């Protein structure tokens, strides 16, 4: 299309979090809303997305919250979350650990890259200690879903933070879910689509088009299981389609129909980060959110119309 706007977008890692962006792209919804986006780029983790946004290599990125929040607080970046996202996280124990109480005095894998998993490791150690499950401590493990699972299965650690589809593989190998971060209000809440604040201010119409396409893509993700499973299996390189199917069935029920950034959960993370990052003390999560585009789509009836269309077709 001659009148489309050329953009680049990226995501942190292969996994469930990139699903809505890849479904949006694969379904042609960016193009439908006037944007020319090549295949979204895998950026090598949240820090890679952060670098890509700051260097203007990409204009929109899907990433977890700790890295951009930390960069914002330190004055190294000025990014805002425009939507929420998918980041369903769990603590899984090695085979033989069946209950969270058994984590007392055990070791939990810690990558040490400053990403979401590290933040959640520190968070859960504190929370479990408050529940009387004391002595859980960090153990260094290599980064990467397969490497982290290998460390768990080898006994290098007793538990890890994990997300689908890796958690599906872990369960099949005898590991058990011990903690669901939904208990703390943190699932579907610590990441999403982010952009430079100055880019959003200078390009509100482009941003509006991107978010409109993405919201429609998230709706397609939630309501078209067959298409979403196919896309996830393809971009993730999942050879066993049943893993992609189980990933979808695990993640889809909790997905919000209106994907606002979750300010309360970002605030929980900021308050926790203040234990080690002085700049986070008294920081207001609302500074790092721009939800006007989601709000416009909800108030205009666009999101409701998507749901009504599904109801008419079913």
Protein backbone atom coordinates (compact mmCIF):
# COMPACT_ATOMS: atom_id res chain seq x y z
CA UNK A 1 0.00 0.00 0.00
CA UNK A 2 1.53 3.29 -1.13
CA UNK A 3 0.06 5.33 1.70
CA UNK A 4 1.21 3.11 4.55
CA UNK A 5 3.70 4.40 7.12
CA UNK A 6 6.96 2.48 7.44
CA UNK A 7 7.84 1.46 11.01
CA UNK A 8 9.87 -1.09 12.91
CA UNK A 9 8.77 -2.98 16.00
CA UNK A 10 10.42 -5.58 18.19
CA UNK A 11 10.02 -7.87 21.15
CA UNK A 12 12.29 -9.15 23.89
CA UNK A 13 12.37 -12.92 23.55
CA UNK A 14 10.61 -15.81 21.89
CA UNK A 15 7.74 -16.78 24.16
CA UNK A 16 4.17 -16.01 25.09
CA UNK A 17 4.76 -12.27 25.53
CA UNK A 18 5.41 -11.73 21.84
CA UNK A 19 2.22 -13.57 20.86
CA UNK A 20 -0.14 -10.61 20.37
CA UNK A 21 2.40 -8.64 18.33
CA UNK A 22 3.11 -11.61 16.07
CA UNK A 23 -0.61 -12.39 15.68
CA UNK A 24 -1.24 -8.74 14.80
CA UNK A 25 1.52 -8.82 12.19
CA UNK A 26 0.65 -12.24 10.76
CA UNK A 27 -3.05 -11.33 10.45
CA UNK A 28 -2.18 -8.21 8.43
CA UNK A 29 -3.71 -5.88 10.99
CA UNK A 30 -0.84 -3.39 11.03
CA UNK A 31 -1.29 -3.00 7.29
CA UNK A 32 -5.06 -2.78 7.70
CA UNK A 33 -4.54 0.26 9.92
CA UNK A 34 -2.07 1.96 7.59
CA UNK A 35 1.30 0.77 8.89
CA UNK A 36 4.05 -1.00 6.96
CA UNK A 37 5.94 -3.12 9.49
CA UNK A 38 8.37 -5.82 8.49
CA UNK A 39 8.41 -8.96 10.58
CA UNK A 40 8.81 -7.77 14.21
CA UNK A 41 12.37 -8.21 15.37
CA UNK A 42 13.57 -10.31 18.27
CA UNK A 43 15.80 -7.96 20.22
CA UNK A 44 17.65 -10.25 22.61
CA UNK A 45 15.86 -9.49 25.86
CA UNK A 46 14.31 -6.44 27.47
CA UNK A 47 17.62 -4.57 27.44
CA UNK A 48 17.82 -5.15 23.70
CA UNK A 49 14.33 -3.68 23.23
CA UNK A 50 15.35 -0.75 25.41
CA UNK A 51 18.46 -0.12 23.29
CA UNK A 52 16.41 -0.45 20.11
CA UNK A 53 13.89 2.12 21.27
CA UNK A 54 16.53 4.57 22.45
CA UNK A 55 18.57 4.26 19.23
CA UNK A 56 15.37 4.57 17.17
CA UNK A 57 16.05 1.22 15.51
CA UNK A 58 12.47 0.38 16.47
CA UNK A 59 9.58 2.69 17.30
CA UNK A 60 7.49 0.29 19.39
CA UNK A 61 8.66 -2.56 21.57
CA UNK A 62 7.15 -5.33 23.65
CA UNK A 63 9.09 -5.86 26.87
CA UNK A 64 8.82 -6.50 30.58
CA UNK A 65 8.77 -3.59 32.99
CA UNK A 66 11.93 -3.73 35.17
CA UNK A 67 14.48 -2.66 32.55
CA UNK A 68 12.57 0.40 31.24
CA UNK A 69 11.50 1.45 34.74
CA UNK A 70 15.08 1.27 35.95
CA UNK A 71 16.36 3.23 32.94
CA UNK A 72 13.66 5.87 33.40
CA UNK A 73 14.43 6.26 37.08
CA UNK A 74 18.14 6.65 36.41
CA UNK A 75 17.52 9.25 33.71
CA UNK A 76 18.88 7.00 30.97
CA UNK A 77 15.59 6.80 29.05
CA UNK A 78 12.11 8.28 28.93
CA UNK A 79 9.77 5.50 27.91
CA UNK A 80 6.05 5.02 28.50
CA UNK A 81 3.91 1.92 28.50
CA UNK A 82 1.02 2.28 26.08
CA UNK A 83 -0.63 -1.10 26.73
CA UNK A 84 -0.46 -4.02 29.06
CA UNK A 85 0.78 -7.34 27.75
CA UNK A 86 1.09 -11.04 28.37
CA UNK A 87 3.62 -12.14 30.97
CA UNK A 88 2.17 -15.01 32.94
CA UNK A 89 4.86 -16.15 35.35
CA UNK A 90 5.19 -19.05 37.76
CA UNK A 91 7.62 -20.59 40.22
CA UNK A 92 8.19 -24.23 39.35
CA UNK A 93 10.08 -26.70 41.51
CA UNK A 94 12.30 -29.56 40.43
CA UNK A 95 10.82 -33.07 40.39
CA UNK A 96 10.14 -34.09 43.98
CA UNK A 97 9.11 -30.64 45.19
CA UNK A 98 5.33 -30.60 45.24
CA UNK A 99 4.43 -27.78 47.65
CA UNK A 100 5.74 -24.27 48.16
CA UNK A 101 6.47 -25.03 51.81
CA UNK A 102 9.25 -27.33 50.60
CA UNK A 103 11.10 -24.26 49.26
CA UNK A 104 12.26 -23.38 52.80
CA UNK A 105 16.07 -23.41 52.79
CA UNK A 106 16.23 -24.22 49.08
CA UNK A 107 17.86 -22.47 46.09
CA UNK A 108 16.04 -20.54 43.37
CA UNK A 109 17.69 -19.83 40.03
CA UNK A 110 18.90 -16.26 39.51
CA UNK A 111 20.10 -15.13 36.09
CA UNK A 112 21.47 -11.76 37.17
CA UNK A 113 20.61 -9.79 34.04
CA UNK A 114 18.36 -7.28 35.82
CA UNK A 115 15.28 -8.49 33.95
CA UNK A 116 11.80 -9.50 35.05
CA UNK A 117 12.83 -12.94 36.27
CA UNK A 118 15.43 -11.47 38.62
CA UNK A 119 12.90 -9.00 40.03
CA UNK A 120 10.40 -11.79 40.57
CA UNK A 121 13.01 -13.99 42.27
CA UNK A 122 13.74 -11.27 44.82
CA UNK A 123 10.04 -10.53 45.18
CA UNK A 124 9.04 -14.13 45.86
CA UNK A 125 11.87 -14.69 48.35
CA UNK A 126 10.53 -11.77 50.36
CA UNK A 127 6.88 -12.78 50.03
CA UNK A 128 7.48 -16.40 50.99
CA UNK A 129 9.53 -15.31 54.00
CA UNK A 130 6.57 -13.21 55.11
CA UNK A 131 4.44 -16.35 54.83
CA UNK A 132 6.89 -18.25 57.05
CA UNK A 133 8.72 -20.06 54.25
CA UNK A 134 12.21 -18.86 55.10
CA UNK A 135 15.72 -19.47 53.80
CA UNK A 136 15.01 -19.55 50.06
CA UNK A 137 18.15 -18.14 48.48
CA UNK A 138 19.48 -17.20 45.06
CA UNK A 139 21.66 -19.55 43.00
CA UNK A 140 23.35 -18.33 39.83
CA UNK A 141 22.16 -20.07 36.65
CA UNK A 142 22.68 -19.31 32.95
CA UNK A 143 20.14 -17.20 31.07
CA UNK A 144 17.79 -18.68 28.49
CA UNK A 145 14.66 -20.75 28.86
CA UNK A 146 16.26 -24.08 27.92
CA UNK A 147 19.36 -23.41 30.04
CA UNK A 148 17.31 -22.38 33.06
CA UNK A 149 15.18 -25.51 32.81
CA UNK A 150 18.31 -27.63 32.42
CA UNK A 151 19.71 -26.06 35.59
CA UNK A 152 16.50 -26.97 37.42
CA UNK A 153 16.44 -30.55 36.17
CA UNK A 154 20.13 -31.05 36.94
CA UNK A 155 19.69 -29.92 40.56
CA UNK A 156 21.75 -26.74 40.20
CA UNK A 157 18.75 -25.08 41.78
CA UNK A 158 15.48 -26.24 43.31
CA UNK A 159 13.11 -23.78 41.65
CA UNK A 160 13.01 -21.21 38.87
CA UNK A 161 10.78 -18.44 37.59
CA UNK A 162 9.31 -19.75 34.37
CA UNK A 163 6.73 -18.89 31.78
CA UNK A 164 4.93 -20.83 29.04
CA UNK A 165 5.83 -22.55 26.78
CA UNK A 166 8.89 -23.58 28.83
CA UNK A 167 6.65 -24.31 31.82
CA UNK A 168 4.67 -26.80 29.74
CA UNK A 169 7.87 -28.69 28.92
CA UNK A 170 8.93 -28.54 32.58
CA UNK A 171 5.61 -29.97 33.74
CA UNK A 172 5.93 -32.84 31.30
CA UNK A 173 9.33 -33.58 32.83
CA UNK A 174 7.92 -33.86 36.34
CA UNK A 175 8.19 -30.29 37.62
CA UNK A 176 5.33 -28.77 39.58
CA UNK A 177 3.79 -25.29 39.70
CA UNK A 178 4.44 -23.95 43.21
CA UNK A 179 3.60 -20.24 42.90
CA UNK A 180 1.41 -18.38 40.41
CA UNK A 181 2.29 -14.68 40.40
CA UNK A 182 -1.39 -13.98 39.77
CA UNK A 183 -1.69 -14.38 43.55
CA UNK A 184 0.14 -11.07 43.87
CA UNK A 185 -1.67 -9.35 41.00
CA UNK A 186 1.41 -9.47 38.79
CA UNK A 187 0.36 -11.60 35.83
CA UNK A 188 -0.56 -9.75 32.62
CA UNK A 189 0.64 -6.63 34.39
CA UNK A 190 4.41 -6.17 34.25
CA UNK A 191 5.02 -5.35 30.62
CA UNK A 192 3.44 -4.53 27.30
CA UNK A 193 4.00 -2.14 24.42
CA UNK A 194 6.33 0.75 25.17
CA UNK A 195 7.69 3.67 23.15
CA UNK A 196 9.80 6.76 23.65
CA UNK A 197 7.75 9.51 25.22
CA UNK A 198 9.02 12.07 22.70
CA UNK A 199 8.11 9.80 19.78
CA UNK A 200 4.55 9.42 21.09
CA UNK A 201 4.20 13.18 21.58
CA UNK A 202 5.53 13.93 18.10
CA UNK A 203 3.59 11.14 16.37
CA UNK A 204 0.23 10.69 18.10
CA UNK A 205 -1.59 9.55 14.95
CA UNK A 206 1.00 6.90 14.16
CA UNK A 207 0.87 5.74 17.76
CA UNK A 208 -2.93 5.66 17.59
CA UNK A 209 -2.79 3.44 14.49
CA UNK A 210 -0.28 1.07 16.09
CA UNK A 211 -2.26 0.66 19.29
CA UNK A 212 -5.51 0.20 17.39
CA UNK A 213 -3.95 -2.56 15.31
CA UNK A 214 -2.37 -4.16 18.37
CA UNK A 215 -5.63 -4.15 20.34
CA UNK A 216 -7.37 -5.81 17.41
CA UNK A 217 -4.53 -8.31 17.29
CA UNK A 218 -4.91 -9.08 20.99
CA UNK A 219 -8.60 -9.64 20.37
CA UNK A 220 -7.75 -12.04 17.52
CA UNK A 221 -5.34 -13.81 19.87
CA UNK A 222 -8.02 -14.23 22.53
CA UNK A 223 -10.78 -15.41 20.19
CA UNK A 224 -9.08 -17.42 17.41
CA UNK A 225 -7.36 -20.37 19.03
CA UNK A 226 -6.46 -22.19 15.82
CA UNK A 227 -4.81 -19.17 14.20
CA UNK A 228 -2.99 -18.11 17.38
CA UNK A 229 -1.63 -21.60 18.05
CA UNK A 230 -0.34 -21.79 14.47
CA UNK A 231 1.36 -18.40 14.74
CA UNK A 232 2.90 -19.23 18.12
CA UNK A 233 4.22 -22.57 16.94
CA UNK A 234 5.77 -20.92 13.87
CA UNK A 235 7.52 -17.93 15.45
CA UNK A 236 8.61 -19.84 18.56
CA UNK A 237 9.93 -22.80 16.61
CA UNK A 238 7.78 -25.20 18.66
CA UNK A 239 7.99 -28.57 16.93
CA UNK A 240 5.32 -30.19 19.11
CA UNK A 241 2.08 -28.37 18.33
CA UNK A 242 0.51 -29.66 21.54
CA UNK A 243 2.94 -27.45 23.51
CA UNK A 244 1.64 -24.41 21.64
CA UNK A 245 -1.93 -25.55 22.28
CA UNK A 246 -1.32 -25.98 26.01
CA UNK A 247 0.45 -22.60 26.14
CA UNK A 248 -2.60 -20.97 24.59
CA UNK A 249 -5.02 -22.75 26.91
CA UNK A 250 -2.97 -21.73 29.94
CA UNK A 251 -2.51 -18.07 29.02
CA UNK A 252 -5.74 -17.12 27.22
CA UNK A 253 -8.25 -17.20 30.12
CA UNK A 254 -6.55 -14.45 32.09
CA UNK A 255 -5.94 -12.08 29.20
CA UNK A 256 -7.78 -8.77 29.66
CA UNK A 257 -10.24 -7.75 26.96
CA UNK A 258 -9.11 -4.12 27.37
CA UNK A 259 -5.32 -4.20 27.72
CA UNK A 260 -4.64 -1.15 29.85
CA UNK A 261 -1.21 -0.83 31.46
CA UNK A 262 -1.75 -1.99 35.04
CA UNK A 263 -0.61 0.97 37.13
CA UNK A 264 -1.20 -0.74 40.47
CA UNK A 265 1.08 -3.65 39.57
CA UNK A 266 3.77 -1.35 38.18
CA UNK A 267 3.56 0.52 41.47
CA UNK A 268 4.01 -2.75 43.38
CA UNK A 269 7.15 -3.40 41.35
CA UNK A 270 8.47 0.14 41.88
CA UNK A 271 7.88 -0.09 45.62
CA UNK A 272 9.78 -3.37 45.70
CA UNK A 273 12.60 -1.99 43.53
CA UNK A 274 13.06 0.78 46.11
CA UNK A 275 14.73 -1.82 48.35
CA UNK A 276 17.78 -1.69 46.08
CA UNK A 277 17.25 1.38 43.90
CA UNK A 278 16.99 4.66 45.80
CA UNK A 279 15.52 6.43 42.77
CA UNK A 280 12.44 4.20 43.03
CA UNK A 281 11.54 5.48 46.48
CA UNK A 282 8.26 7.41 46.29
CA UNK A 283 8.20 7.03 42.48
CA UNK A 284 4.70 7.21 40.98
CA UNK A 285 3.98 4.51 38.39
CA UNK A 286 1.58 6.84 36.58
CA UNK A 287 4.61 8.75 35.31
CA UNK A 288 5.53 5.78 33.14
CA UNK A 289 2.12 5.12 31.57
CA UNK A 290 0.26 6.76 28.69
CA UNK A 291 -3.07 4.97 28.40
CA UNK A 292 -4.96 7.59 26.38
CA UNK A 293 -4.94 5.51 23.20
CA UNK A 294 -6.43 2.46 24.91
CA UNK A 295 -8.95 4.72 26.65
CA UNK A 296 -9.97 6.26 23.31
CA UNK A 297 -10.55 2.82 21.81
CA UNK A 298 -12.69 1.77 24.75
CA UNK A 299 -14.71 4.98 24.93
CA UNK A 300 -15.27 5.09 21.16
CA UNK A 301 -16.82 1.61 21.23
CA UNK A 302 -14.08 0.06 19.04
CA UNK A 303 -13.20 -2.63 21.59
CA UNK A 304 -16.83 -3.38 22.36
CA UNK A 305 -17.56 -3.74 18.65
CA UNK A 306 -14.86 -6.40 18.33
CA UNK A 307 -16.52 -8.44 21.08
CA UNK A 308 -19.97 -7.93 19.59
CA UNK A 309 -18.72 -9.17 16.24
CA UNK A 310 -17.56 -12.43 17.83
CA UNK A 311 -20.91 -12.80 19.61
CA UNK A 312 -22.76 -12.40 16.29
CA UNK A 313 -20.54 -14.96 14.57
CA UNK A 314 -20.79 -17.55 17.34
